[in-house]
Amino acid sequence: MTTMKAVRIRSFGGPEVLELADVEKPTPKDEEVLIKVRAASVNPVDYKIRSGGYPVVKQDQLPKVLGRDVAGEIERCGSAVRDLKEGDTVYAMLDGGPGGYAEYVTVRADLVAPKPGQLDYRAAAAVPLAGLTAWQGLFDHGHLQAGQRVLIHGGAGGVGHLALQFAKARGATVATTVATQDVEFVRRLGADQVIDYTRQRFEDELQEVDLVLDLIAGETQERSWAVLKDGGTMISSLAQPSAAQARAHQAHAENFLAHPDRAELIEIGRLIDQGRVHPHVSAVFELKEAAAAQERLEHQHAQGKVVLQMG
């Protein structure tokens, strides 16, 4: 048996349940590719799964290698794969099966996109899950158009800092709520209006927005009805908005989970290579430091993304 290093959990709990282990190196099925992982990003869903707080993953599915997105090179292609080849540099959002905290991962070929040429592996690994969450929230669910006004809650985070840039590239006017230390960061990314939520109430600074992209939930989401115009849209990646409030505002409101999408990753990569979108990596850890990486994301204030690098 050929083995590889991977970080997995055998039980739910705190960061201490993450273990670096030798596991069997996977073999791609006919429709899959084997990626030599150069970097993988750390996302909130990872520590939610680890803690047992993500009901999609059950005890009987353990042990489980964590991680939902990667960047690397294709080492092998399955027999049915036609449009990818060994040596291609790629990035991908994984479909919830084998995780990316590993030296190798198998992925369905139709989920894999060319790595943006402008990015190194660490920055590329930061994009897929956060980028697709931002893209699908704004455009597939929020139907954001040029000339519209969008409020993005949490514009300095992994999803938010990409959503801000996608919305600007689409021609929207962007307002965002961030903490004091993030004000200049999101201004540099192109935000038109920055609201420091530690000092200002966004309801006092804004009105009549077309779309609220809620990446915070809780009372922030509930207070957002005050700034949404009648007939507007509220989209959350975390919690279903109030149906009663949606009716009162004649609004479209929904909660969604991002899904892998190769065509959208290609579109995102095009914007990156045009210099219109810049993913930000705030911290890089080695694979063996996955517990520290998760603690950083969960308990410290991270601008942009936290990433694991292999080797």
Protein backbone atom coordinates (compact mmCIF):
# COMPACT_ATOMS: atom_id res chain seq x y z
CA MET A 1 0.00 0.00 0.00
CA THR A 2 1.28 3.45 -0.94
CA THR A 3 0.65 5.98 1.81
CA MET A 4 0.45 9.75 2.14
CA LYS A 5 0.22 12.26 4.98
CA ALA A 6 -3.24 13.60 5.81
CA VAL A 7 -4.91 15.38 8.71
CA ARG A 8 -8.06 13.60 9.88
CA ILE A 9 -10.44 13.30 12.81
CA ARG A 10 -11.45 10.01 14.42
CA SER A 11 -13.83 11.68 16.89
CA PHE A 12 -15.50 15.07 17.25
CA GLY A 13 -14.06 17.69 19.58
CA GLY A 14 -11.59 20.55 19.88
CA PRO A 15 -8.47 21.16 17.77
CA GLU A 16 -6.69 18.37 19.66
CA VAL A 17 -8.72 15.74 17.75
CA LEU A 18 -6.95 16.66 14.50
CA GLU A 19 -4.24 14.08 13.84
CA LEU A 20 -1.54 13.88 11.21
CA ALA A 21 -1.66 10.30 9.95
CA ASP A 22 -0.31 8.02 7.25
CA VAL A 23 -3.30 6.98 5.15
CA GLU A 24 -3.68 5.14 1.89
CA LYS A 25 -2.95 7.24 -1.18
CA PRO A 26 -6.14 7.30 -3.27
CA THR A 27 -6.53 5.98 -6.80
CA PRO A 28 -8.73 7.95 -9.21
CA LYS A 29 -11.90 6.33 -10.56
CA ASP A 30 -12.68 6.55 -14.27
CA GLU A 31 -14.22 10.06 -14.05
CA GLU A 32 -11.75 11.41 -11.48
CA VAL A 33 -8.30 12.95 -11.36
CA LEU A 34 -5.67 12.52 -8.67
CA ILE A 35 -4.35 15.93 -7.54
CA LYS A 36 -1.00 16.35 -5.84
CA VAL A 37 -2.10 18.98 -3.33
CA ARG A 38 0.22 21.97 -2.97
CA ALA A 39 -2.08 23.98 -0.72
CA ALA A 40 -5.51 23.67 0.88
CA SER A 41 -7.55 26.38 2.53
CA VAL A 42 -9.07 26.35 6.00
CA ASN A 43 -12.77 27.25 6.15
CA PRO A 44 -15.28 27.68 9.00
CA VAL A 45 -17.05 24.50 7.84
CA ASP A 46 -13.87 22.58 8.77
CA TYR A 47 -13.97 23.45 12.46
CA LYS A 48 -17.77 23.06 12.49
CA ILE A 49 -17.35 19.48 11.22
CA ARG A 50 -14.47 18.84 13.65
CA SER A 51 -16.54 19.99 16.63
CA GLY A 52 -19.52 17.81 15.65
CA GLY A 53 -21.62 20.91 15.00
CA TYR A 54 -22.22 20.21 11.31
CA PRO A 55 -25.01 17.65 11.09
CA VAL A 56 -24.19 16.55 7.53
CA VAL A 57 -21.18 14.58 8.87
CA LYS A 58 -22.10 11.73 11.26
CA GLN A 59 -20.05 9.64 13.68
CA ASP A 60 -20.22 6.60 11.41
CA GLN A 61 -18.42 8.56 8.66
CA LEU A 62 -15.28 8.88 10.79
CA PRO A 63 -12.34 8.81 10.44
CA LYS A 64 -12.57 11.74 8.03
CA VAL A 65 -9.95 13.88 6.32
CA LEU A 66 -11.10 17.51 6.48
CA GLY A 67 -10.79 20.29 3.90
CA ARG A 68 -13.07 21.49 1.11
CA ASP A 69 -10.77 23.14 -1.44
CA VAL A 70 -7.32 22.65 -2.92
CA ALA A 71 -4.78 23.82 -5.48
CA GLY A 72 -2.15 21.59 -7.03
CA GLU A 73 -1.14 19.52 -10.05
CA ILE A 74 -2.84 16.58 -11.66
CA GLU A 75 -0.76 13.44 -11.12
CA ARG A 76 -3.10 10.90 -12.73
CA CYS A 77 -6.28 10.97 -14.78
CA GLY A 78 -9.02 8.34 -14.73
CA SER A 79 -9.67 6.40 -17.95
CA ALA A 80 -12.74 8.50 -18.90
CA VAL A 81 -11.10 11.92 -18.41
CA ARG A 82 -10.55 13.74 -21.71
CA ASP A 83 -10.10 17.46 -21.14
CA LEU A 84 -7.42 17.33 -18.41
CA LYS A 85 -3.95 15.81 -18.43
CA GLU A 86 -1.12 14.93 -16.08
CA GLY A 87 0.82 18.00 -15.03
CA ASP A 88 -2.06 20.49 -15.38
CA THR A 89 -2.12 23.05 -12.55
CA VAL A 90 -5.64 23.24 -11.14
CA TYR A 91 -7.86 24.31 -8.28
CA ALA A 92 -11.15 22.88 -7.10
CA MET A 93 -13.89 22.93 -4.50
CA LEU A 94 -14.35 19.37 -3.25
CA ASP A 95 -17.76 17.73 -3.10
CA GLY A 96 -17.68 16.67 0.55
CA GLY A 97 -16.03 13.27 0.06
CA PRO A 98 -12.26 12.92 0.54
CA GLY A 99 -10.85 16.10 2.11
CA GLY A 100 -8.07 18.46 1.05
CA TYR A 101 -5.93 18.37 4.21
CA ALA A 102 -3.79 15.75 2.49
CA GLU A 103 -0.85 15.32 0.14
CA TYR A 104 -3.18 13.88 -2.53
CA VAL A 105 -6.91 13.96 -3.21
CA THR A 106 -9.18 12.50 -5.87
CA VAL A 107 -11.76 14.83 -7.42
CA ARG A 108 -14.36 14.43 -10.15
CA ALA A 109 -12.78 15.86 -13.29
CA ASP A 110 -15.83 17.99 -14.09
CA LEU A 111 -15.31 19.94 -10.83
CA VAL A 112 -11.70 20.89 -11.56
CA ALA A 113 -10.70 24.21 -13.14
CA PRO A 114 -7.35 25.60 -14.37
CA LYS A 115 -5.46 27.44 -11.63
CA PRO A 116 -5.37 31.21 -12.29
CA GLY A 117 -1.97 31.99 -13.75
CA GLN A 118 -1.58 35.11 -11.61
CA LEU A 119 -1.72 33.12 -8.37
CA ASP A 120 0.69 30.87 -6.53
CA TYR A 121 -0.74 27.68 -5.06
CA ARG A 122 -1.41 29.19 -1.65
CA ALA A 123 -3.48 32.07 -3.01
CA ALA A 124 -5.24 29.76 -5.48
CA ALA A 125 -6.23 27.34 -2.70
CA ALA A 126 -7.85 30.27 -0.88
CA VAL A 127 -10.39 30.81 -3.66
CA PRO A 128 -12.69 27.86 -4.48
CA LEU A 129 -15.08 27.46 -1.51
CA ALA A 130 -15.06 31.12 -0.46
CA GLY A 131 -15.18 32.33 -4.05
CA LEU A 132 -18.07 30.08 -5.05
CA THR A 133 -19.98 31.00 -1.89
CA ALA A 134 -19.56 34.69 -2.75
CA TRP A 135 -20.37 34.21 -6.44
CA GLN A 136 -23.43 32.04 -5.93
CA GLY A 137 -24.74 34.28 -3.14
CA LEU A 138 -24.42 37.45 -5.21
CA PHE A 139 -25.36 36.23 -8.66
CA ASP A 140 -27.09 32.81 -8.69
CA HIS A 141 -29.29 33.58 -5.66
CA GLY A 142 -29.05 37.36 -5.29
CA HIS A 143 -29.25 38.16 -9.03
CA LEU A 144 -27.07 41.25 -8.52
CA GLN A 145 -26.94 43.55 -11.56
CA ALA A 146 -24.72 46.45 -12.60
CA GLY A 147 -25.94 49.68 -11.05
CA GLN A 148 -27.57 48.03 -8.03
CA ARG A 149 -26.56 48.61 -4.41
CA VAL A 150 -25.44 45.70 -2.25
CA LEU A 151 -24.68 45.53 1.48
CA ILE A 152 -22.15 42.80 2.35
CA HIS A 153 -21.94 41.94 6.04
CA GLY A 154 -18.45 40.77 6.97
CA GLY A 155 -16.64 42.20 3.97
CA ALA A 156 -13.15 41.51 5.30
CA GLY A 157 -13.56 37.75 5.78
CA GLY A 158 -12.80 34.88 3.46
CA VAL A 159 -16.10 35.02 1.58
CA GLY A 160 -16.75 38.72 2.11
CA HIS A 161 -13.51 40.10 0.67
CA LEU A 162 -14.10 38.15 -2.55
CA ALA A 163 -17.81 39.06 -2.69
CA LEU A 164 -16.90 42.73 -2.41
CA GLN A 165 -14.55 42.46 -5.40
CA PHE A 166 -16.97 40.38 -7.51
CA ALA A 167 -19.75 42.91 -6.90
CA LYS A 168 -17.49 45.79 -7.92
CA ALA A 169 -16.39 43.91 -11.05
CA ARG A 170 -20.08 43.43 -11.93
CA GLY A 171 -20.64 47.21 -11.68
CA ALA A 172 -22.56 47.34 -8.38
CA THR A 173 -22.19 49.91 -5.62
CA VAL A 174 -20.88 48.15 -2.53
CA ALA A 175 -21.38 48.94 1.15
CA THR A 176 -19.88 46.67 3.77
CA THR A 177 -19.75 46.26 7.55
CA VAL A 178 -16.38 45.49 9.12
CA ALA A 179 -14.44 45.97 12.37
CA THR A 180 -12.19 49.01 12.89
CA GLN A 181 -8.99 47.18 11.94
CA ASP A 182 -10.50 46.16 8.58
CA VAL A 183 -11.70 49.55 7.36
CA GLU A 184 -8.62 50.39 5.28
CA PHE A 185 -8.35 46.80 3.99
CA VAL A 186 -11.83 46.83 2.42
CA ARG A 187 -11.36 50.39 1.13
CA ARG A 188 -8.29 49.16 -0.76
CA LEU A 189 -10.42 46.35 -2.21
CA GLY A 190 -12.83 48.94 -3.64
CA ALA A 191 -15.73 49.23 -1.17
CA ASP A 192 -17.76 52.37 -1.87
CA GLN A 193 -19.09 52.72 1.68
CA VAL A 194 -17.44 51.20 4.75
CA ILE A 195 -19.35 50.98 8.03
CA ASP A 196 -17.34 50.25 11.20
CA TYR A 197 -19.86 48.16 13.12
CA THR A 198 -18.03 48.82 16.42
CA ARG A 199 -18.77 52.56 16.11
CA GLN A 200 -21.72 52.91 13.74
CA ARG A 201 -25.11 51.30 13.26
CA PHE A 202 -25.46 50.41 9.60
CA GLU A 203 -29.18 51.29 9.74
CA ASP A 204 -28.15 54.92 10.39
CA GLU A 205 -25.79 54.99 7.41
CA LEU A 206 -27.73 53.16 4.69
CA GLN A 207 -31.15 52.82 3.14
CA GLU A 208 -32.85 51.29 0.13
CA VAL A 209 -30.27 48.65 -0.81
CA ASP A 210 -31.20 46.15 -3.53
CA LEU A 211 -29.40 43.17 -2.01
CA VAL A 212 -28.16 42.20 1.45
CA LEU A 213 -25.53 39.43 1.40
CA ASP A 214 -25.52 38.21 4.99
CA LEU A 215 -22.36 36.38 6.08
CA ILE A 216 -22.92 37.01 9.82
CA ALA A 217 -26.53 35.93 10.71
CA GLY A 218 -28.09 36.58 14.14
CA GLU A 219 -29.20 40.10 15.01
CA THR A 220 -27.18 41.54 12.11
CA GLN A 221 -29.47 39.71 9.70
CA GLU A 222 -32.61 40.75 11.55
CA ARG A 223 -31.57 44.42 11.63
CA SER A 224 -30.87 44.33 7.90
CA TRP A 225 -34.56 44.43 7.00
CA ALA A 226 -34.44 48.12 7.94
CA VAL A 227 -32.12 48.96 5.03
CA LEU A 228 -33.52 46.62 2.36
CA LYS A 229 -35.78 48.30 -0.15
CA ASP A 230 -39.24 46.85 -0.75
CA GLY A 231 -38.95 44.17 -3.41
CA GLY A 232 -35.27 43.67 -2.61
CA THR A 233 -33.35 40.48 -1.89
CA MET A 234 -31.72 39.05 1.25
CA ILE A 235 -29.37 36.09 0.85
CA SER A 236 -27.58 34.37 3.73
CA SER A 237 -24.91 31.68 3.68
CA LEU A 238 -25.68 30.89 7.33
CA ALA A 239 -29.34 31.16 8.35
CA GLN A 240 -32.77 31.32 6.70
CA PRO A 241 -34.09 34.91 6.81
CA SER A 242 -37.50 35.55 8.34
CA ALA A 243 -40.37 34.56 6.05
CA ALA A 244 -42.67 37.05 7.80
CA GLN A 245 -40.24 39.93 7.22
CA ALA A 246 -39.77 38.85 3.60
CA ARG A 247 -43.53 39.01 3.06
CA ALA A 248 -43.73 42.43 4.73
CA HIS A 249 -41.03 43.78 2.40
CA GLN A 250 -42.22 41.88 -0.70
CA ALA A 251 -38.65 40.59 -0.66
CA HIS A 252 -36.96 37.47 -1.96
CA ALA A 253 -35.11 35.86 0.96
CA GLU A 254 -33.19 32.62 1.12
CA ASN A 255 -30.41 30.68 2.78
CA PHE A 256 -28.08 28.62 0.57
CA LEU A 257 -25.13 26.25 0.63
CA ALA A 258 -22.45 26.70 -2.00
CA HIS A 259 -21.79 23.81 -4.39
CA PRO A 260 -18.83 22.99 -6.65
CA ASP A 261 -19.06 24.61 -10.09
CA ARG A 262 -16.26 24.38 -12.65
CA ALA A 263 -17.68 27.02 -15.01
CA GLU A 264 -17.94 29.56 -12.21
CA LEU A 265 -14.38 28.81 -11.05
CA ILE A 266 -13.20 29.46 -14.61
CA GLU A 267 -15.05 32.80 -14.62
CA ILE A 268 -13.56 33.72 -11.24
CA GLY A 269 -10.12 32.75 -12.51
CA ARG A 270 -10.58 35.05 -15.50
CA LEU A 271 -11.31 38.01 -13.22
CA ILE A 272 -8.23 37.16 -11.14
CA ASP A 273 -5.99 36.92 -14.20
CA GLN A 274 -7.38 40.27 -15.45
CA GLY A 275 -6.21 41.81 -12.16
CA ARG A 276 -9.75 42.71 -11.08
CA VAL A 277 -9.91 40.34 -8.09
CA HIS A 278 -7.15 39.74 -5.55
CA PRO A 279 -7.61 36.95 -2.99
CA HIS A 280 -5.92 37.80 0.30
CA VAL A 281 -4.11 35.20 2.40
CA SER A 282 -3.53 36.40 5.96
CA ALA A 283 -1.77 33.31 7.35
CA VAL A 284 -0.07 30.17 6.05
CA PHE A 285 0.52 27.01 8.10
CA GLU A 286 2.17 23.67 7.37
CA LEU A 287 -0.13 20.62 7.07
CA LYS A 288 1.04 19.37 10.48
CA GLU A 289 -0.10 22.72 11.97
CA ALA A 290 -3.74 22.26 10.93
CA ALA A 291 -4.95 22.56 14.54
CA ALA A 292 -3.22 25.94 14.94
CA ALA A 293 -4.64 27.05 11.59
CA GLN A 294 -8.18 26.18 12.67
CA GLU A 295 -7.70 27.92 16.01
CA ARG A 296 -6.48 31.04 14.20
CA LEU A 297 -9.56 31.12 11.97
CA GLU A 298 -12.04 30.26 14.75
CA HIS A 299 -10.77 32.51 17.54
CA GLN A 300 -8.68 35.30 16.01
CA HIS A 301 -9.64 38.02 13.58
CA ALA A 302 -8.50 36.93 10.11
CA GLN A 303 -8.61 39.16 7.05
CA GLY A 304 -9.19 37.06 3.96
CA LYS A 305 -8.12 33.44 4.17
CA VAL A 306 -6.02 31.01 6.22
CA VAL A 307 -4.19 28.37 4.17
CA LEU A 308 -2.29 25.10 4.68
CA GLN A 309 0.74 24.35 2.50
CA MET A 310 2.12 20.90 1.82
CA GLY A 311 5.81 20.12 2.19
